[in-house]
Amino acid sequence: MAAEEDIILLTENLHWLKKEAAWHYRVLPCSRSDHQLTLYCEEGADQESLSAELETLLGYEVLLKPIHASRITVLLSKYYLKQPAGREKAVAPGHHNADDFLKDLIREAKNLKSSDIHIESYENKCRVRIRVDGMMVERYLLKKDEYPELINKIKIIANLDISEKRLPQDGRVNFDEKDAKFDIRVSILPTLYGEKVVLRLLNNDATDIDLRTLGFSEFDLNNYLQGIKRPNGLLLISGPTGSGKTTTLYASLKELNKETRNILTIEDPVEYTLEGINQVALKESIGLTFPAALRTFLRQDPDVIMVGEIRDPETAQMAIRAALTGHLVLSTIHTNSAWGTVSRLIDMGIPSFQVASTLNTTVAQRLIRLLCPNCKEKALMVDDAFPKQFTPPVQLTHHYVSKGCEHCHYTGYKGRKAVYEVIPIDRELALEIKNGNMYIQDLLKEKGVETLSENAFDLFKEGLTSIEEIYPLLFNY
């Protein structure tokens, strides 16, 4: 198989293949002699029939070199870019079109379930990209003279200073058009060739959020539900930025939201609104911080408290205090694993005996992109598909690869699903925490804890995702 880091396509060779043929057969030009054309193809392809078709089409003897399917998609997108319909949509200065374009762009991003819109300026062009399922997708190219009007329009609706172009600015927009109503966070950053704008689309509707559809296995779901049903204690969800922690928290609050419970939250920002829950937005500029809100919460007779994030020792101390005084506290924390939460709290200065007596459940989660059902294809399993330290629980002969089509913007993926690792803290684990024993992997295995790696592999085994998506999690096996 070709070494992927060595693959550099020469632009003068691209004309050997038409764009349509490159995407249809998923091949790329490598080299050419008088009578032979060497092409990169994806591993697992039927090389005999593929080369026969290409020889008929191109009039050359064809030699194929296989590389990973995901690499083929990346290179096709880079060298044979397919422009989405409407890509050349322009913002015409002086004709009041910046407003219309911005509204259409936001609606389009919302319909595509995008989380962010990136509007960027470079030396010779400006572009608009959106993040769909965690991946950036380029949607529009704008002319340099159209860019300033669009930026000024964004600044005006976000109540920002249009004359300030040297310093970063942050704002907020309430988008209310027809059936679409949601908030947008605006961040503006001065760059070398102009201001870069990021619009974060916040989904205010929590109606469809349900713990049972997020991705928990039946075993993990039962353990998690036991954790949020406890009358007190600290339940923490860990994972990197963008791993879906907040969505899991809101699904938990929705499960707990009963007329008999007083639920208070402090968030930065409030991403969803839930009827029946008292939600507070963080305002550090006026002293409304996580610790300050928690102090007041304890005088508000709460049953359940949700803290957006435990990010400093003072917030950790207040959360522990709330859990010790008989409240259920839900929050997020940045660690790489569920058990790593324990070490993180101790590093923040929380005594191990307090962690042992308050922590009731710790969770790790990640978001896995799902293969597009319209274009995924079956491929043969190769011997070195997994990391050396990972032993697959079952041997597979085939797997599915991402291809790329109009439905998935040629990324090969459509939609995401969370995978979890849930550790209920029972008496035995609490004793290990109290004694400072952080190496308890064998004990967790005895208790049947399903790891992130195992749950991710299950998605792969079912043909729902690719090796590339689960590969980073297999190192934690």
Protein backbone atom coordinates (compact mmCIF):
# COMPACT_ATOMS: atom_id res chain seq x y z
CA MET A 1 0.00 0.00 0.00
CA ALA A 2 1.32 3.48 -0.84
CA ALA A 3 2.80 5.54 2.00
CA GLU A 4 0.14 8.21 2.48
CA GLU A 5 2.49 10.91 3.73
CA ASP A 6 4.31 10.70 0.34
CA ILE A 7 1.20 11.37 -1.77
CA ILE A 8 1.57 14.73 -3.52
CA LEU A 9 -0.42 15.20 -6.72
CA LEU A 10 1.05 17.42 -9.42
CA THR A 11 -1.46 19.95 -10.70
CA GLU A 12 -0.23 19.51 -14.27
CA ASN A 13 -1.25 15.83 -14.07
CA LEU A 14 -4.82 16.43 -12.95
CA HIS A 15 -6.10 16.80 -16.54
CA TRP A 16 -5.45 13.08 -17.10
CA LEU A 17 -8.73 12.46 -15.30
CA LYS A 18 -11.95 14.41 -15.59
CA LYS A 19 -13.51 15.46 -12.28
CA GLU A 20 -16.57 13.25 -12.85
CA ALA A 21 -14.43 10.16 -13.57
CA ALA A 22 -12.17 10.78 -10.57
CA TRP A 23 -15.14 10.93 -8.19
CA HIS A 24 -17.08 8.11 -9.86
CA TYR A 25 -14.20 5.62 -9.78
CA ARG A 26 -12.54 7.21 -6.72
CA VAL A 27 -9.09 7.26 -8.29
CA LEU A 28 -6.29 9.85 -8.50
CA PRO A 29 -3.42 10.32 -10.97
CA CYS A 30 -0.01 9.11 -9.76
CA SER A 31 2.32 8.84 -12.79
CA ARG A 32 2.26 8.12 -16.53
CA SER A 33 4.59 6.49 -19.06
CA ASP A 34 4.12 6.03 -22.81
CA HIS A 35 1.57 3.24 -22.48
CA GLN A 36 0.80 2.98 -18.77
CA LEU A 37 -1.11 5.19 -16.35
CA THR A 38 -0.64 4.63 -12.61
CA LEU A 39 -3.56 5.68 -10.41
CA TYR A 40 -4.23 5.69 -6.69
CA CYS A 41 -7.37 3.77 -5.75
CA GLU A 42 -8.93 2.95 -2.39
CA GLU A 43 -8.00 -0.23 -0.60
CA GLY A 44 -10.59 -2.98 -0.79
CA ALA A 45 -11.66 -2.04 -4.33
CA ASP A 46 -12.03 -4.75 -6.98
CA GLN A 47 -8.81 -3.80 -8.79
CA GLU A 48 -9.26 -6.21 -11.68
CA SER A 49 -12.66 -4.92 -12.82
CA LEU A 50 -11.77 -1.31 -11.94
CA SER A 51 -8.59 -1.31 -14.04
CA ALA A 52 -10.47 -2.95 -16.95
CA GLU A 53 -13.11 -0.18 -16.95
CA LEU A 54 -10.51 2.56 -16.66
CA GLU A 55 -8.39 1.12 -19.48
CA THR A 56 -11.43 1.21 -21.75
CA LEU A 57 -12.26 4.77 -20.68
CA LEU A 58 -8.74 6.25 -20.75
CA GLY A 59 -7.04 4.25 -23.51
CA TYR A 60 -4.04 3.37 -21.31
CA GLU A 61 -2.86 0.29 -19.50
CA VAL A 62 -3.82 1.07 -15.88
CA LEU A 63 -1.81 0.16 -12.78
CA LEU A 64 -3.56 0.74 -9.44
CA LYS A 65 -1.98 1.63 -6.08
CA PRO A 66 -4.36 1.24 -3.09
CA ILE A 67 -4.52 3.80 -0.25
CA HIS A 68 -6.97 4.32 2.63
CA ALA A 69 -10.50 5.28 1.56
CA SER A 70 -10.59 8.33 3.83
CA ARG A 71 -7.37 9.60 2.22
CA ILE A 72 -8.94 9.22 -1.24
CA THR A 73 -11.88 11.38 -0.10
CA VAL A 74 -9.59 14.07 1.29
CA LEU A 75 -7.47 14.20 -1.88
CA LEU A 76 -10.51 14.21 -4.18
CA SER A 77 -11.97 17.11 -2.18
CA LYS A 78 -8.66 18.96 -2.39
CA TYR A 79 -7.77 18.43 -6.06
CA TYR A 80 -11.15 17.79 -7.69
CA LEU A 81 -13.37 20.01 -5.55
CA LYS A 82 -17.07 19.65 -6.27
CA GLN A 83 -18.80 22.98 -5.76
CA PRO A 84 -22.24 22.80 -4.13
CA ALA A 85 -25.15 24.29 -6.02
CA GLY A 86 -25.33 28.04 -5.49
CA ARG A 87 -21.70 28.33 -4.47
CA GLU A 88 -21.13 31.53 -6.44
CA LYS A 89 -23.88 33.36 -4.56
CA ALA A 90 -22.60 36.90 -4.07
CA VAL A 91 -23.17 39.75 -1.69
CA ALA A 92 -23.60 42.82 -3.87
CA PRO A 93 -22.63 46.06 -2.08
CA GLY A 94 -25.11 48.90 -2.28
CA HIS A 95 -28.07 46.67 -3.13
CA HIS A 96 -29.06 45.64 0.41
CA ASN A 97 -28.15 42.04 -0.35
CA ALA A 98 -25.83 41.52 2.61
CA ASP A 99 -28.86 41.24 4.86
CA ASP A 100 -30.61 38.72 2.60
CA PHE A 101 -27.45 36.66 2.13
CA LEU A 102 -26.77 36.55 5.88
CA LYS A 103 -30.31 35.40 6.68
CA ASP A 104 -30.19 32.76 3.94
CA LEU A 105 -26.79 31.58 5.18
CA ILE A 106 -28.00 31.20 8.77
CA ARG A 107 -31.15 29.37 7.65
CA GLU A 108 -29.10 27.04 5.46
CA ALA A 109 -26.66 26.28 8.30
CA LYS A 110 -29.54 25.61 10.67
CA ASN A 111 -31.25 23.27 8.18
CA LEU A 112 -27.98 21.37 7.75
CA LYS A 113 -27.72 21.09 11.57
CA SER A 114 -24.47 23.03 11.54
CA SER A 115 -22.98 24.16 14.85
CA ASP A 116 -20.82 27.04 13.51
CA ILE A 117 -20.47 29.37 10.54
CA HIS A 118 -16.94 30.62 9.70
CA ILE A 119 -16.56 33.73 7.54
CA GLU A 120 -12.91 34.27 6.62
CA SER A 121 -10.79 36.68 4.59
CA TYR A 122 -7.54 35.81 2.80
CA GLU A 123 -5.22 37.66 0.44
CA ASN A 124 -7.13 36.96 -2.77
CA LYS A 125 -10.47 35.55 -1.68
CA CYS A 126 -13.01 35.30 1.10
CA ARG A 127 -14.89 32.16 1.95
CA VAL A 128 -17.74 30.84 4.08
CA ARG A 129 -17.42 27.47 5.77
CA ILE A 130 -19.82 25.66 8.08
CA ARG A 131 -19.16 22.91 10.58
CA VAL A 132 -21.39 19.90 10.03
CA ASP A 133 -21.01 16.80 12.22
CA GLY A 134 -17.75 18.21 13.55
CA MET A 135 -16.18 18.70 10.09
CA MET A 136 -15.62 21.99 8.24
CA VAL A 137 -17.34 22.20 4.84
CA GLU A 138 -16.75 25.07 2.42
CA ARG A 139 -20.02 26.51 1.08
CA TYR A 140 -19.40 29.87 -0.60
CA LEU A 141 -16.67 32.03 -2.09
CA LEU A 142 -17.05 35.81 -1.83
CA LYS A 143 -15.30 38.64 -3.61
CA LYS A 144 -12.95 40.81 -1.56
CA ASP A 145 -15.02 43.96 -2.12
CA GLU A 146 -18.18 42.21 -0.88
CA TYR A 147 -16.66 41.10 2.42
CA PRO A 148 -16.65 44.38 4.45
CA GLU A 149 -20.39 44.94 3.99
CA LEU A 150 -21.17 41.46 5.28
CA ILE A 151 -18.94 41.94 8.34
CA ASN A 152 -20.49 45.33 9.11
CA LYS A 153 -23.97 43.82 8.86
CA ILE A 154 -23.02 41.15 11.40
CA LYS A 155 -21.55 43.77 13.74
CA ILE A 156 -24.70 45.90 13.55
CA ILE A 157 -27.13 43.10 14.43
CA ALA A 158 -24.80 41.92 17.24
CA ASN A 159 -24.54 45.47 18.69
CA LEU A 160 -20.78 45.64 18.08
CA ASP A 161 -18.57 48.57 17.11
CA ILE A 162 -18.30 48.69 13.29
CA SER A 163 -15.37 51.13 13.48
CA GLU A 164 -13.24 48.79 15.63
CA LYS A 165 -11.17 46.55 13.38
CA ARG A 166 -8.05 46.06 15.52
CA LEU A 167 -9.42 44.25 18.59
CA PRO A 168 -11.50 41.08 19.05
CA GLN A 169 -15.20 41.57 19.78
CA ASP A 170 -17.93 39.26 21.10
CA GLY A 171 -21.68 39.63 20.79
CA ARG A 172 -24.98 37.84 20.63
CA VAL A 173 -27.87 37.77 18.15
CA ASN A 174 -31.42 36.57 18.62
CA PHE A 175 -32.46 35.08 15.28
CA ASP A 176 -36.24 35.10 14.91
CA GLU A 177 -37.42 34.44 11.36
CA LYS A 178 -40.67 32.62 10.55
CA ASP A 179 -40.38 29.17 12.17
CA ALA A 180 -36.69 29.55 13.12
CA LYS A 181 -35.96 31.04 16.53
CA PHE A 182 -32.60 30.58 18.24
CA ASP A 183 -29.61 32.48 19.62
CA ILE A 184 -26.28 33.05 17.88
CA ARG A 185 -22.96 33.83 19.59
CA VAL A 186 -20.76 36.12 17.52
CA SER A 187 -16.96 36.18 17.77
CA ILE A 188 -14.85 38.54 15.65
CA LEU A 189 -11.08 38.17 15.39
CA PRO A 190 -8.74 40.56 13.49
CA THR A 191 -6.45 38.60 11.14
CA LEU A 192 -3.76 39.50 8.63
CA TYR A 193 -6.17 40.04 5.71
CA GLY A 194 -9.30 41.18 7.54
CA GLU A 195 -11.65 40.15 10.30
CA LYS A 196 -12.67 36.52 10.79
CA VAL A 197 -16.20 35.93 12.10
CA VAL A 198 -17.49 32.81 13.79
CA LEU A 199 -21.23 32.44 14.39
CA ARG A 200 -22.10 29.74 16.94
CA LEU A 201 -25.69 28.54 16.48
CA LEU A 202 -27.29 27.71 19.82
CA ASN A 203 -30.25 25.36 19.73
CA ASN A 204 -32.81 26.58 22.25
CA ASP A 205 -35.20 23.69 21.70
CA ALA A 206 -34.64 20.77 24.07
CA THR A 207 -37.89 19.03 23.11
CA ASP A 208 -36.25 16.19 21.17
CA ILE A 209 -33.39 15.51 23.60
CA ASP A 210 -33.74 12.11 25.24
CA LEU A 211 -31.18 10.08 27.19
CA ARG A 212 -32.39 6.92 25.50
CA THR A 213 -31.49 8.11 21.99
CA LEU A 214 -28.08 9.71 22.63
CA GLY A 215 -26.01 6.53 22.26
CA PHE A 216 -25.92 4.84 25.69
CA SER A 217 -25.78 1.06 25.64
CA GLU A 218 -28.53 -0.54 27.72
CA PHE A 219 -25.99 -1.42 30.44
CA ASP A 220 -24.53 2.10 30.59
CA LEU A 221 -27.97 3.73 30.45
CA ASN A 222 -29.14 1.77 33.49
CA ASN A 223 -26.00 2.77 35.41
CA TYR A 224 -26.39 6.41 34.39
CA LEU A 225 -30.07 6.54 35.33
CA GLN A 226 -29.18 5.11 38.73
CA GLY A 227 -26.70 7.95 39.14
CA ILE A 228 -29.13 10.79 38.38
CA LYS A 229 -31.83 9.16 40.53
CA ARG A 230 -29.67 9.35 43.65
CA PRO A 231 -30.87 12.07 46.06
CA ASN A 232 -27.40 13.60 46.44
CA GLY A 233 -23.82 13.41 45.25
CA LEU A 234 -21.74 14.65 42.35
CA LEU A 235 -22.21 13.34 38.80
CA LEU A 236 -19.52 14.48 36.35
CA ILE A 237 -19.32 14.12 32.58
CA SER A 238 -15.86 14.41 31.01
CA GLY A 239 -14.64 14.84 27.47
CA PRO A 240 -13.02 17.37 25.14
CA THR A 241 -14.76 20.47 23.78
CA GLY A 242 -17.47 19.53 21.31
CA SER A 243 -18.02 15.99 22.59
CA GLY A 244 -21.70 16.50 23.48
CA LYS A 245 -21.36 16.83 27.26
CA THR A 246 -23.85 19.71 27.50
CA THR A 247 -26.47 17.82 25.49
CA THR A 248 -26.18 14.86 27.88
CA LEU A 249 -26.59 17.22 30.85
CA TYR A 250 -29.75 18.76 29.39
CA ALA A 251 -31.16 15.31 28.64
CA SER A 252 -30.50 14.46 32.30
CA LEU A 253 -32.26 17.63 33.48
CA LYS A 254 -35.21 16.82 31.24
CA GLU A 255 -35.41 13.38 32.89
CA LEU A 256 -35.26 14.96 36.37
CA ASN A 257 -37.64 17.83 35.63
CA LYS A 258 -40.61 17.08 37.87
CA GLU A 259 -43.08 19.36 39.62
CA THR A 260 -41.78 18.08 42.97
CA ARG A 261 -38.13 19.13 42.33
CA ASN A 262 -36.46 22.53 42.51
CA ILE A 263 -33.77 22.56 39.80
CA LEU A 264 -31.27 25.41 39.38
CA THR A 265 -28.58 25.82 36.71
CA ILE A 266 -25.67 28.20 36.14
CA GLU A 267 -24.45 28.07 32.53
CA ASP A 268 -22.06 29.79 30.12
CA PRO A 269 -24.07 30.33 27.97
CA VAL A 270 -27.62 28.98 28.36
CA GLU A 271 -27.79 26.78 25.26
CA TYR A 272 -31.26 25.27 25.75
CA THR A 273 -34.30 26.51 27.62
CA LEU A 274 -36.32 24.06 29.68
CA GLU A 275 -39.71 24.96 31.12
CA GLY A 276 -39.83 24.33 34.86
CA ILE A 277 -36.09 24.81 35.45
CA ASN A 278 -34.53 28.00 36.83
CA GLN A 279 -31.64 28.79 34.51
CA VAL A 280 -28.99 31.46 35.18
CA ALA A 281 -26.51 32.79 32.59
CA LEU A 282 -22.93 33.41 33.72
CA LYS A 283 -21.87 37.09 33.74
CA GLU A 284 -18.31 37.27 35.04
CA SER A 285 -18.02 41.00 34.17
CA ILE A 286 -20.46 41.84 36.98
CA GLY A 287 -19.28 39.15 39.40
CA LEU A 288 -21.84 36.46 38.56
CA THR A 289 -19.39 33.54 38.47
CA PHE A 290 -19.92 29.80 38.99
CA PRO A 291 -18.86 29.94 42.69
CA ALA A 292 -20.95 33.09 43.37
CA ALA A 293 -24.04 31.49 41.83
CA LEU A 294 -23.50 28.26 43.77
CA ARG A 295 -23.35 30.15 47.07
CA THR A 296 -26.71 31.73 46.31
CA PHE A 297 -28.17 28.45 45.04
CA LEU A 298 -27.57 26.84 48.43
CA ARG A 299 -29.91 29.46 49.93
CA GLN A 300 -32.59 28.74 47.31
CA ASP A 301 -33.65 25.33 48.69
CA PRO A 302 -32.54 23.32 45.61
CA ASP A 303 -32.95 19.60 44.98
CA VAL A 304 -30.79 19.46 41.84
CA ILE A 305 -28.03 21.85 40.76
CA MET A 306 -26.40 21.92 37.34
CA VAL A 307 -23.06 23.72 36.90
CA GLY A 308 -21.99 24.27 33.28
CA GLU A 309 -18.36 23.36 33.96
CA ILE A 310 -16.00 22.76 36.88
CA ARG A 311 -13.03 24.74 35.62
CA ASP A 312 -11.23 25.95 38.77
CA PRO A 313 -10.62 24.91 42.41
CA GLU A 314 -13.17 27.36 43.83
CA THR A 315 -15.99 25.98 41.66
CA ALA A 316 -14.92 22.42 42.55
CA GLN A 317 -14.99 23.25 46.29
CA MET A 318 -18.49 24.76 46.03
CA ALA A 319 -19.79 21.79 44.00
CA ILE A 320 -18.41 19.36 46.60
CA ARG A 321 -19.96 21.44 49.38
CA ALA A 322 -23.34 21.35 47.63
CA ALA A 323 -23.10 17.57 47.18
CA LEU A 324 -22.08 17.08 50.83
CA THR A 325 -25.09 19.05 52.06
CA GLY A 326 -27.62 16.74 50.42
CA HIS A 327 -27.99 18.00 46.85
CA LEU A 328 -27.57 16.25 43.51
CA VAL A 329 -24.98 18.21 41.50
CA LEU A 330 -24.46 17.63 37.76
CA SER A 331 -21.54 19.16 35.89
CA THR A 332 -18.84 18.69 33.23
CA ILE A 333 -15.07 18.56 33.57
CA HIS A 334 -12.19 18.33 31.09
CA THR A 335 -10.42 14.98 31.46
CA ASN A 336 -9.50 12.24 29.00
CA SER A 337 -11.28 9.38 30.77
CA ALA A 338 -14.04 8.69 33.25
CA TRP A 339 -11.67 7.57 35.99
CA GLY A 340 -9.38 10.54 35.24
CA THR A 341 -12.07 12.75 36.80
CA VAL A 342 -10.96 11.54 40.22
CA SER A 343 -7.35 12.65 39.66
CA ARG A 344 -8.54 15.99 38.26
CA LEU A 345 -10.59 16.78 41.38
CA ILE A 346 -7.68 15.84 43.64
CA ASP A 347 -5.35 18.03 41.54
CA MET A 348 -7.78 20.90 42.15
CA GLY A 349 -7.21 20.52 45.88
CA ILE A 350 -10.20 18.41 46.86
CA PRO A 351 -9.17 15.91 49.57
CA SER A 352 -9.53 12.31 48.41
CA PHE A 353 -11.90 11.46 51.28
CA GLN A 354 -14.29 14.22 50.10
CA VAL A 355 -14.13 12.96 46.51
CA ALA A 356 -14.85 9.43 47.78
CA SER A 357 -17.86 10.54 49.83
CA THR A 358 -19.48 12.80 47.19
CA LEU A 359 -18.71 11.44 43.69
CA ASN A 360 -21.59 9.12 42.75
CA THR A 361 -21.05 8.64 38.98
CA THR A 362 -18.34 9.61 36.52
CA VAL A 363 -18.83 9.50 32.76
CA ALA A 364 -16.62 9.94 29.69
CA GLN A 365 -18.09 10.56 26.26
CA ARG A 366 -17.09 11.21 22.66
CA LEU A 367 -19.00 11.91 19.46
CA ILE A 368 -18.51 9.49 16.57
CA ARG A 369 -19.44 10.46 13.02
CA LEU A 370 -21.71 8.00 11.24
CA LEU A 371 -21.12 6.88 7.68
CA CYS A 372 -23.46 8.39 5.11
CA PRO A 373 -26.05 5.69 4.33
CA ASN A 374 -26.33 6.93 0.74
CA CYS A 375 -22.71 6.33 -0.27
CA LYS A 376 -20.97 4.02 2.23
CA GLU A 377 -19.47 0.91 0.66
CA LYS A 378 -18.21 -2.44 1.86
CA ALA A 379 -14.46 -3.09 1.79
CA LEU A 380 -12.14 -5.92 2.81
CA MET A 381 -10.57 -5.75 6.25
CA VAL A 382 -6.78 -5.30 6.23
CA ASP A 383 -4.40 -6.83 8.78
CA ASP A 384 -2.97 -3.58 10.17
CA ALA A 385 -6.26 -1.69 10.48
CA PHE A 386 -6.11 -1.32 14.28
CA PRO A 387 -3.39 -0.07 16.68
CA LYS A 388 -0.95 -2.79 17.74
CA GLN A 389 -2.07 -2.71 21.39
CA PHE A 390 -5.74 -3.22 20.44
CA THR A 391 -7.07 -6.75 20.03
CA PRO A 392 -10.50 -6.78 18.36
CA PRO A 393 -13.06 -8.69 20.43
CA VAL A 394 -14.27 -10.32 17.19
CA GLN A 395 -12.51 -10.87 13.87
CA LEU A 396 -14.17 -9.12 10.93
CA THR A 397 -13.64 -9.89 7.26
CA HIS A 398 -15.34 -6.74 5.92
CA HIS A 399 -16.01 -3.19 7.02
CA TYR A 400 -17.57 -0.05 5.54
CA VAL A 401 -15.75 2.99 4.16
CA SER A 402 -16.80 6.56 3.50
CA LYS A 403 -17.15 7.49 -0.16
CA GLY A 404 -18.61 11.00 -0.39
CA CYS A 405 -21.71 12.20 -2.20
CA GLU A 406 -23.99 15.24 -2.47
CA HIS A 407 -26.01 14.13 0.55
CA CYS A 408 -22.99 14.36 2.87
CA HIS A 409 -21.16 17.24 1.09
CA TYR A 410 -18.55 14.71 -0.09
CA THR A 411 -17.31 14.06 3.44
CA GLY A 412 -18.59 10.47 3.58
CA TYR A 413 -20.33 11.06 6.93
CA LYS A 414 -23.80 12.15 7.96
CA GLY A 415 -24.86 12.55 11.58
CA ARG A 416 -23.10 11.68 14.84
CA LYS A 417 -23.69 9.43 17.81
CA ALA A 418 -22.24 9.57 21.30
CA VAL A 419 -20.30 6.73 22.88
CA TYR A 420 -19.97 6.53 26.65
CA GLU A 421 -18.03 5.04 29.52
CA VAL A 422 -20.03 5.10 32.75
CA ILE A 423 -18.50 4.29 36.15
CA PRO A 424 -20.91 4.11 39.09
CA ILE A 425 -18.93 4.83 42.29
CA ASP A 426 -19.87 2.08 44.73
CA ARG A 427 -18.38 1.46 48.19
CA GLU A 428 -15.46 -0.56 46.84
CA LEU A 429 -14.44 2.15 44.36
CA ALA A 430 -14.99 4.87 46.98
CA LEU A 431 -12.52 3.04 49.24
CA GLU A 432 -9.96 2.90 46.40
CA ILE A 433 -10.36 6.68 45.92
CA LYS A 434 -9.99 7.32 49.65
CA ASN A 435 -6.79 5.24 49.71
CA GLY A 436 -5.42 7.13 46.68
CA ASN A 437 -5.31 4.10 44.37
CA MET A 438 -5.68 5.40 40.82
CA TYR A 439 -4.78 2.17 38.99
CA ILE A 440 -8.00 0.18 39.14
CA GLN A 441 -8.50 -0.91 35.49
CA ASP A 442 -8.67 -4.59 36.44
CA LEU A 443 -11.28 -3.83 39.09
CA LEU A 444 -13.38 -1.84 36.60
CA LYS A 445 -13.21 -4.77 34.17
CA GLU A 446 -14.40 -7.12 36.92
CA LYS A 447 -17.37 -4.81 37.50
CA GLY A 448 -18.26 -4.98 33.80
CA VAL A 449 -17.58 -1.32 32.98
CA GLU A 450 -17.88 -0.86 29.21
CA THR A 451 -15.01 1.28 27.91
CA LEU A 452 -15.15 3.97 25.24
CA SER A 453 -13.12 1.66 23.00
CA GLU A 454 -15.56 -1.22 23.34
CA ASN A 455 -18.62 0.93 22.66
CA ALA A 456 -16.93 2.61 19.68
CA PHE A 457 -15.95 -0.79 18.26
CA ASP A 458 -19.59 -1.91 18.53
CA LEU A 459 -20.59 0.98 16.21
CA PHE A 460 -17.86 -0.07 13.78
CA LYS A 461 -18.88 -3.73 13.93
CA GLU A 462 -22.46 -2.76 13.08
CA GLY A 463 -21.25 -0.91 9.96
CA LEU A 464 -22.32 2.49 11.27
CA THR A 465 -18.90 4.15 11.30
CA SER A 466 -15.37 3.77 9.93
CA ILE A 467 -11.98 2.67 11.24
CA GLU A 468 -10.73 6.27 10.97
CA GLU A 469 -13.45 7.51 13.31
CA ILE A 470 -12.89 4.98 16.09
CA TYR A 471 -9.08 4.72 15.70
CA PRO A 472 -8.21 7.47 18.27
CA LEU A 473 -10.36 5.76 20.92
CA LEU A 474 -8.72 2.38 20.48
CA PHE A 475 -5.53 3.65 22.17
CA ASN A 476 -7.52 3.86 25.42
CA TYR A 477 -8.35 0.17 25.29
